Amino acid sequence: MSEFEIGNLAYLSVLGVAVVLWFVSDLRQSFGKTVQQALAWGLIFLGVIAAVGMWEDIRTAARPAHSVFADQGRIEIPVSADGHYYLTAEVNGTEINFVVDTGATDLVLSQEDATRAGLNTDTLRFLGRAMTANGEVRTAIVRLDEVQVGDYTDEDIAARVTQGDMDISLLGMSYLNRYEQITITKGKLVLTR
């Protein structure tokens, strides 16, 4: 053990002993109240564990969905709580979540999303390079059979798969240029065909 680990262990031991001594001294004064407080803290602890375990589901449920107005030729995407615009598209028949990124040159899939869309990432050649906020990443050029957003289906779409870590795929300008107009107004991003 290093000196740092020994110091941490000593600190945690002293802290643990202090908590146990406080609990024992409090227990002598009012057993019912102590049990009640211990139960309350236990429930709070379980609630925090449940929230952490379900965080992805909570985030997905809180993320607003996009609206398609086919008769008007537009797709409206409300701004999310984090200030970004999220859209779900079908790539090769599989639903993929994207962040709409007008600063990204290409439609970029994470390796996980590429696999879900039926691409074999083991055979991809990551020869391209892209600069991101986290530095340079390697990319592989791919062709997607189909990308569907609402009622709009586009075929044979050029895209990239990144070798870097990405939480969500990017819907960049190579795809967004298929729309006649991209407008941000009143908390919505509107794609018009």
C-alpha atoms as a PDB file:
ATOM      1  CA  MET A   1       0.000   0.000   0.000  1.00  0.00           C
ATOM      2  CA  SER A   2       1.189   3.498  -0.804  1.00  0.00           C
ATOM      3  CA  GLU A   3       1.335   6.261   1.790  1.00  0.00           C
ATOM      4  CA  PHE A   4      -1.658   7.922   0.122  1.00  0.00           C
ATOM      5  CA  GLU A   5      -3.774   4.756   0.387  1.00  0.00           C
ATOM      6  CA  ILE A   6      -2.746   4.270   4.045  1.00  0.00           C
ATOM      7  CA  GLY A   7      -3.743   7.879   4.786  1.00  0.00           C
ATOM      8  CA  ASN A   8      -7.129   7.362   3.078  1.00  0.00           C
ATOM      9  CA  LEU A   9      -7.700   4.138   5.004  1.00  0.00           C
ATOM     10  CA  ALA A  10      -6.809   5.829   8.322  1.00  0.00           C
ATOM     11  CA  TYR A  11      -9.135   8.753   7.576  1.00  0.00           C
ATOM     12  CA  LEU A  12     -12.031   6.480   6.619  1.00  0.00           C
ATOM     13  CA  SER A  13     -11.454   4.344   9.725  1.00  0.00           C
ATOM     14  CA  VAL A  14     -11.557   7.391  12.037  1.00  0.00           C
ATOM     15  CA  LEU A  15     -14.648   8.670  10.236  1.00  0.00           C
ATOM     16  CA  GLY A  16     -16.339   5.263  10.517  1.00  0.00           C
ATOM     17  CA  VAL A  17     -15.558   5.009  14.229  1.00  0.00           C
ATOM     18  CA  ALA A  18     -16.944   8.529  14.775  1.00  0.00           C
ATOM     19  CA  VAL A  19     -20.192   7.652  12.975  1.00  0.00           C
ATOM     20  CA  VAL A  20     -20.578   4.409  14.936  1.00  0.00           C
ATOM     21  CA  LEU A  21     -19.898   6.196  18.265  1.00  0.00           C
ATOM     22  CA  TRP A  22     -22.428   8.909  17.399  1.00  0.00           C
ATOM     23  CA  PHE A  23     -24.993   6.260  16.464  1.00  0.00           C
ATOM     24  CA  VAL A  24     -24.425   4.316  19.712  1.00  0.00           C
ATOM     25  CA  SER A  25     -24.616   7.456  21.887  1.00  0.00           C
ATOM     26  CA  ASP A  26     -27.763   8.607  20.097  1.00  0.00           C
ATOM     27  CA  LEU A  27     -29.256   5.119  20.396  1.00  0.00           C
ATOM     28  CA  ARG A  28     -29.072   5.306  24.179  1.00  0.00           C
ATOM     29  CA  GLN A  29     -31.142   8.507  24.259  1.00  0.00           C
ATOM     30  CA  SER A  30     -34.022   7.597  21.976  1.00  0.00           C
ATOM     31  CA  PHE A  31     -34.139   4.200  20.309  1.00  0.00           C
ATOM     32  CA  GLY A  32     -37.365   4.890  18.322  1.00  0.00           C
ATOM     33  CA  LYS A  33     -36.104   8.186  16.920  1.00  0.00           C
ATOM     34  CA  THR A  34     -32.768   6.649  15.931  1.00  0.00           C
ATOM     35  CA  VAL A  35     -34.453   3.793  14.089  1.00  0.00           C
ATOM     36  CA  GLN A  36     -36.733   6.270  12.344  1.00  0.00           C
ATOM     37  CA  GLN A  37     -33.767   8.386  11.203  1.00  0.00           C
ATOM     38  CA  ALA A  38     -31.810   5.319  10.095  1.00  0.00           C
ATOM     39  CA  LEU A  39     -34.812   4.186   8.049  1.00  0.00           C
ATOM     40  CA  ALA A  40     -35.159   7.638   6.461  1.00  0.00           C
ATOM     41  CA  TRP A  41     -31.472   7.698   5.509  1.00  0.00           C
ATOM     42  CA  GLY A  42     -31.726   4.147   4.168  1.00  0.00           C
ATOM     43  CA  LEU A  43     -34.659   5.149   1.943  1.00  0.00           C
ATOM     44  CA  ILE A  44     -32.783   8.232   0.718  1.00  0.00           C
ATOM     45  CA  PHE A  45     -29.778   6.042  -0.080  1.00  0.00           C
ATOM     46  CA  LEU A  46     -31.963   3.551  -1.992  1.00  0.00           C
ATOM     47  CA  GLY A  47     -33.616   6.419  -3.885  1.00  0.00           C
ATOM     48  CA  VAL A  48     -30.237   7.747  -4.995  1.00  0.00           C
ATOM     49  CA  ILE A  49     -29.154   4.270  -6.129  1.00  0.00           C
ATOM     50  CA  ALA A  50     -32.420   3.852  -8.088  1.00  0.00           C
ATOM     51  CA  ALA A  51     -32.029   7.278  -9.743  1.00  0.00           C
ATOM     52  CA  VAL A  52     -28.448   6.508 -10.787  1.00  0.00           C
ATOM     53  CA  GLY A  53     -29.496   3.113 -12.151  1.00  0.00           C
ATOM     54  CA  MET A  54     -32.367   4.581 -14.157  1.00  0.00           C
ATOM     55  CA  TRP A  55     -30.564   7.759 -15.289  1.00  0.00           C
ATOM     56  CA  GLU A  56     -30.527   6.802 -18.994  1.00  0.00           C
ATOM     57  CA  ASP A  57     -34.270   6.069 -18.953  1.00  0.00           C
ATOM     58  CA  ILE A  58     -34.961   9.367 -17.166  1.00  0.00           C
ATOM     59  CA  ARG A  59     -32.811  11.287 -19.670  1.00  0.00           C
ATOM     60  CA  THR A  60     -34.528   9.630 -22.634  1.00  0.00           C
ATOM     61  CA  ALA A  61     -37.997  10.338 -21.246  1.00  0.00           C
ATOM     62  CA  ALA A  62     -37.128  13.976 -20.552  1.00  0.00           C
ATOM     63  CA  ARG A  63     -35.704  14.537 -24.036  1.00  0.00           C
ATOM     64  CA  PRO A  64     -38.392  16.085 -26.238  1.00  0.00           C
ATOM     65  CA  ALA A  65     -39.310  14.281 -29.452  1.00  0.00           C
ATOM     66  CA  HIS A  66     -39.372  15.879 -32.877  1.00  0.00           C
ATOM     67  CA  SER A  67     -42.561  16.636 -34.760  1.00  0.00           C
ATOM     68  CA  VAL A  68     -43.063  15.981 -38.463  1.00  0.00           C
ATOM     69  CA  PHE A  69     -45.433  18.155 -40.469  1.00  0.00           C
ATOM     70  CA  ALA A  70     -45.382  16.302 -43.793  1.00  0.00           C
ATOM     71  CA  ASP A  71     -48.157  18.376 -45.341  1.00  0.00           C
ATOM     72  CA  GLN A  72     -46.105  21.506 -44.728  1.00  0.00           C
ATOM     73  CA  GLY A  73     -42.819  19.819 -45.690  1.00  0.00           C
ATOM     74  CA  ARG A  74     -41.047  20.434 -42.409  1.00  0.00           C
ATOM     75  CA  ILE A  75     -39.688  18.780 -39.295  1.00  0.00           C
ATOM     76  CA  GLU A  76     -39.704  20.688 -35.997  1.00  0.00           C
ATOM     77  CA  ILE A  77     -37.236  19.738 -33.278  1.00  0.00           C
ATOM     78  CA  PRO A  78     -37.700  21.415 -29.874  1.00  0.00           C
ATOM     79  CA  VAL A  79     -34.612  22.485 -27.961  1.00  0.00           C
ATOM     80  CA  SER A  80     -33.787  20.141 -25.082  1.00  0.00           C
ATOM     81  CA  ALA A  81     -32.925  21.174 -21.536  1.00  0.00           C
ATOM     82  CA  ASP A  82     -29.200  21.043 -22.349  1.00  0.00           C
ATOM     83  CA  GLY A  83     -29.600  23.468 -25.289  1.00  0.00           C
ATOM     84  CA  HIS A  84     -29.109  20.871 -28.052  1.00  0.00           C
ATOM     85  CA  TYR A  85     -31.496  19.549 -30.676  1.00  0.00           C
ATOM     86  CA  TYR A  86     -32.028  15.774 -30.687  1.00  0.00           C
ATOM     87  CA  LEU A  87     -33.635  13.744 -33.439  1.00  0.00           C
ATOM     88  CA  THR A  88     -34.386  10.049 -33.867  1.00  0.00           C
ATOM     89  CA  ALA A  89     -33.843   8.725 -37.386  1.00  0.00           C
ATOM     90  CA  GLU A  90     -34.085   5.238 -38.831  1.00  0.00           C
ATOM     91  CA  VAL A  91     -30.767   4.158 -40.285  1.00  0.00           C
ATOM     92  CA  ASN A  92     -31.050   0.967 -42.312  1.00  0.00           C
ATOM     93  CA  GLY A  93     -34.331   0.294 -40.485  1.00  0.00           C
ATOM     94  CA  THR A  94     -32.915   0.806 -36.966  1.00  0.00           C
ATOM     95  CA  GLU A  95     -33.802   3.764 -34.755  1.00  0.00           C
ATOM     96  CA  ILE A  96     -30.711   5.819 -33.959  1.00  0.00           C
ATOM     97  CA  ASN A  97     -30.631   8.912 -31.721  1.00  0.00           C
ATOM     98  CA  PHE A  98     -28.743  11.882 -33.145  1.00  0.00           C
ATOM     99  CA  VAL A  99     -27.780  15.323 -31.976  1.00  0.00           C
ATOM    100  CA  VAL A 100     -28.334  17.788 -34.834  1.00  0.00           C
ATOM    101  CA  ASP A 101     -24.921  19.404 -35.280  1.00  0.00           C
ATOM    102  CA  THR A 102     -24.602  22.148 -37.892  1.00  0.00           C
ATOM    103  CA  GLY A 103     -20.934  22.401 -36.920  1.00  0.00           C
ATOM    104  CA  ALA A 104     -20.257  18.807 -38.001  1.00  0.00           C
ATOM    105  CA  THR A 105     -19.311  18.262 -41.640  1.00  0.00           C
ATOM    106  CA  ASP A 106     -20.688  14.746 -41.921  1.00  0.00           C
ATOM    107  CA  LEU A 107     -23.287  12.373 -40.579  1.00  0.00           C
ATOM    108  CA  VAL A 108     -21.178  10.533 -37.998  1.00  0.00           C
ATOM    109  CA  LEU A 109     -22.154   7.273 -36.311  1.00  0.00           C
ATOM    110  CA  SER A 110     -20.662   5.954 -33.113  1.00  0.00           C
ATOM    111  CA  GLN A 111     -19.315   2.410 -33.453  1.00  0.00           C
ATOM    112  CA  GLU A 112     -22.192   1.115 -31.310  1.00  0.00           C
ATOM    113  CA  ASP A 113     -24.815   2.805 -33.519  1.00  0.00           C
ATOM    114  CA  ALA A 114     -23.044   1.628 -36.684  1.00  0.00           C
ATOM    115  CA  THR A 115     -23.206  -1.975 -35.432  1.00  0.00           C
ATOM    116  CA  ARG A 116     -26.890  -1.561 -34.558  1.00  0.00           C
ATOM    117  CA  ALA A 117     -27.502  -0.261 -38.105  1.00  0.00           C
ATOM    118  CA  GLY A 118     -26.016  -3.461 -39.554  1.00  0.00           C
ATOM    119  CA  LEU A 119     -22.471  -2.303 -40.345  1.00  0.00           C
ATOM    120  CA  ASN A 120     -19.592  -4.613 -39.518  1.00  0.00           C
ATOM    121  CA  THR A 121     -17.216  -2.285 -37.656  1.00  0.00           C
ATOM    122  CA  ASP A 122     -14.537  -4.978 -37.455  1.00  0.00           C
ATOM    123  CA  THR A 123     -13.923  -4.744 -41.208  1.00  0.00           C
ATOM    124  CA  LEU A 124     -13.936  -0.939 -41.460  1.00  0.00           C
ATOM    125  CA  ARG A 125     -10.740   0.851 -42.396  1.00  0.00           C
ATOM    126  CA  PHE A 126     -10.286   3.874 -40.162  1.00  0.00           C
ATOM    127  CA  LEU A 127      -8.105   5.878 -42.533  1.00  0.00           C
ATOM    128  CA  GLY A 128      -9.804   9.281 -42.222  1.00  0.00           C
ATOM    129  CA  ARG A 129      -9.123  11.891 -39.581  1.00  0.00           C
ATOM    130  CA  ALA A 130     -11.442  14.384 -37.966  1.00  0.00           C
ATOM    131  CA  MET A 131     -10.806  17.148 -35.476  1.00  0.00           C
ATOM    132  CA  THR A 132     -13.200  17.228 -32.525  1.00  0.00           C
ATOM    133  CA  ALA A 133     -13.385  19.201 -29.305  1.00  0.00           C
ATOM    134  CA  ASN A 134     -11.514  16.264 -27.709  1.00  0.00           C
ATOM    135  CA  GLY A 135      -8.778  16.221 -30.344  1.00  0.00           C
ATOM    136  CA  GLU A 136      -8.173  14.139 -33.445  1.00  0.00           C
ATOM    137  CA  VAL A 137     -10.104  10.892 -34.057  1.00  0.00           C
ATOM    138  CA  ARG A 138      -9.894   8.283 -36.786  1.00  0.00           C
ATOM    139  CA  THR A 139     -12.908   7.720 -39.030  1.00  0.00           C
ATOM    140  CA  ALA A 140     -14.070   5.248 -41.655  1.00  0.00           C
ATOM    141  CA  ILE A 141     -16.204   6.210 -44.649  1.00  0.00           C
ATOM    142  CA  VAL A 142     -19.374   4.135 -45.104  1.00  0.00           C
ATOM    143  CA  ARG A 143     -22.522   4.188 -47.246  1.00  0.00           C
ATOM    144  CA  LEU A 144     -25.888   3.862 -45.539  1.00  0.00           C
ATOM    145  CA  ASP A 145     -28.627   2.129 -47.504  1.00  0.00           C
ATOM    146  CA  GLU A 146     -31.340   4.316 -46.054  1.00  0.00           C
ATOM    147  CA  VAL A 147     -31.864   7.190 -43.625  1.00  0.00           C
ATOM    148  CA  GLN A 148     -35.458   8.015 -42.704  1.00  0.00           C
ATOM    149  CA  VAL A 149     -36.531  11.059 -40.697  1.00  0.00           C
ATOM    150  CA  GLY A 150     -40.285  11.197 -40.281  1.00  0.00           C
ATOM    151  CA  ASP A 151     -41.844  10.752 -43.720  1.00  0.00           C
ATOM    152  CA  TYR A 152     -38.623  11.597 -45.571  1.00  0.00           C
ATOM    153  CA  THR A 153     -36.460   8.722 -46.776  1.00  0.00           C
ATOM    154  CA  ASP A 154     -33.050   9.216 -48.381  1.00  0.00           C
ATOM    155  CA  GLU A 155     -31.030   6.375 -49.904  1.00  0.00           C
ATOM    156  CA  ASP A 156     -27.333   5.691 -50.407  1.00  0.00           C
ATOM    157  CA  ILE A 157     -26.122   8.236 -47.852  1.00  0.00           C
ATOM    158  CA  ALA A 158     -22.424   8.895 -47.266  1.00  0.00           C
ATOM    159  CA  ALA A 159     -21.468   8.818 -43.591  1.00  0.00           C
ATOM    160  CA  ARG A 160     -18.558   8.223 -41.275  1.00  0.00           C
ATOM    161  CA  VAL A 161     -18.039   5.894 -38.343  1.00  0.00           C
ATOM    162  CA  THR A 162     -15.765   7.250 -35.633  1.00  0.00           C
ATOM    163  CA  GLN A 163     -13.188   5.238 -33.773  1.00  0.00           C
ATOM    164  CA  GLY A 164     -13.406   7.719 -30.895  1.00  0.00           C
ATOM    165  CA  ASP A 165     -15.796   7.544 -27.959  1.00  0.00           C
ATOM    166  CA  MET A 166     -19.161   9.178 -28.669  1.00  0.00           C
ATOM    167  CA  ASP A 167     -22.275   9.096 -26.482  1.00  0.00           C
ATOM    168  CA  ILE A 168     -24.551   9.931 -29.408  1.00  0.00           C
ATOM    169  CA  SER A 169     -24.242  10.044 -33.180  1.00  0.00           C
ATOM    170  CA  LEU A 170     -24.087  13.362 -35.055  1.00  0.00           C
ATOM    171  CA  LEU A 171     -26.428  14.509 -37.807  1.00  0.00           C
ATOM    172  CA  GLY A 172     -24.096  16.859 -39.642  1.00  0.00           C
ATOM    173  CA  MET A 173     -24.219  19.045 -42.734  1.00  0.00           C
ATOM    174  CA  SER A 174     -23.684  16.295 -45.324  1.00  0.00           C
ATOM    175  CA  TYR A 175     -27.199  15.135 -44.439  1.00  0.00           C
ATOM    176  CA  LEU A 176     -28.739  18.471 -43.401  1.00  0.00           C
ATOM    177  CA  ASN A 177     -27.904  19.968 -46.823  1.00  0.00           C
ATOM    178  CA  ARG A 178     -30.720  17.811 -48.235  1.00  0.00           C
ATOM    179  CA  TYR A 179     -33.142  20.293 -46.674  1.00  0.00           C
ATOM    180  CA  GLU A 180     -33.907  23.608 -48.383  1.00  0.00           C
ATOM    181  CA  GLN A 181     -33.900  25.546 -45.159  1.00  0.00           C
ATOM    182  CA  ILE A 182     -32.628  25.147 -41.607  1.00  0.00           C
ATOM    183  CA  THR A 183     -34.141  27.661 -39.179  1.00  0.00           C
ATOM    184  CA  ILE A 184     -33.812  28.128 -35.439  1.00  0.00           C
ATOM    185  CA  THR A 185     -36.716  30.092 -34.015  1.00  0.00           C
ATOM    186  CA  LYS A 186     -38.603  30.227 -30.701  1.00  0.00           C
ATOM    187  CA  GLY A 187     -36.838  27.251 -29.146  1.00  0.00           C
ATOM    188  CA  LYS A 188     -37.229  25.024 -32.224  1.00  0.00           C
ATOM    189  CA  LEU A 189     -34.963  23.917 -35.041  1.00  0.00           C
ATOM    190  CA  VAL A 190     -37.043  23.634 -38.229  1.00  0.00           C
ATOM    191  CA  LEU A 191     -35.908  21.565 -41.230  1.00  0.00           C
ATOM    192  CA  THR A 192     -37.856  22.412 -44.391  1.00  0.00           C
ATOM    193  CA  ARG A 193     -37.917  20.473 -47.665  1.00  0.00           C
END
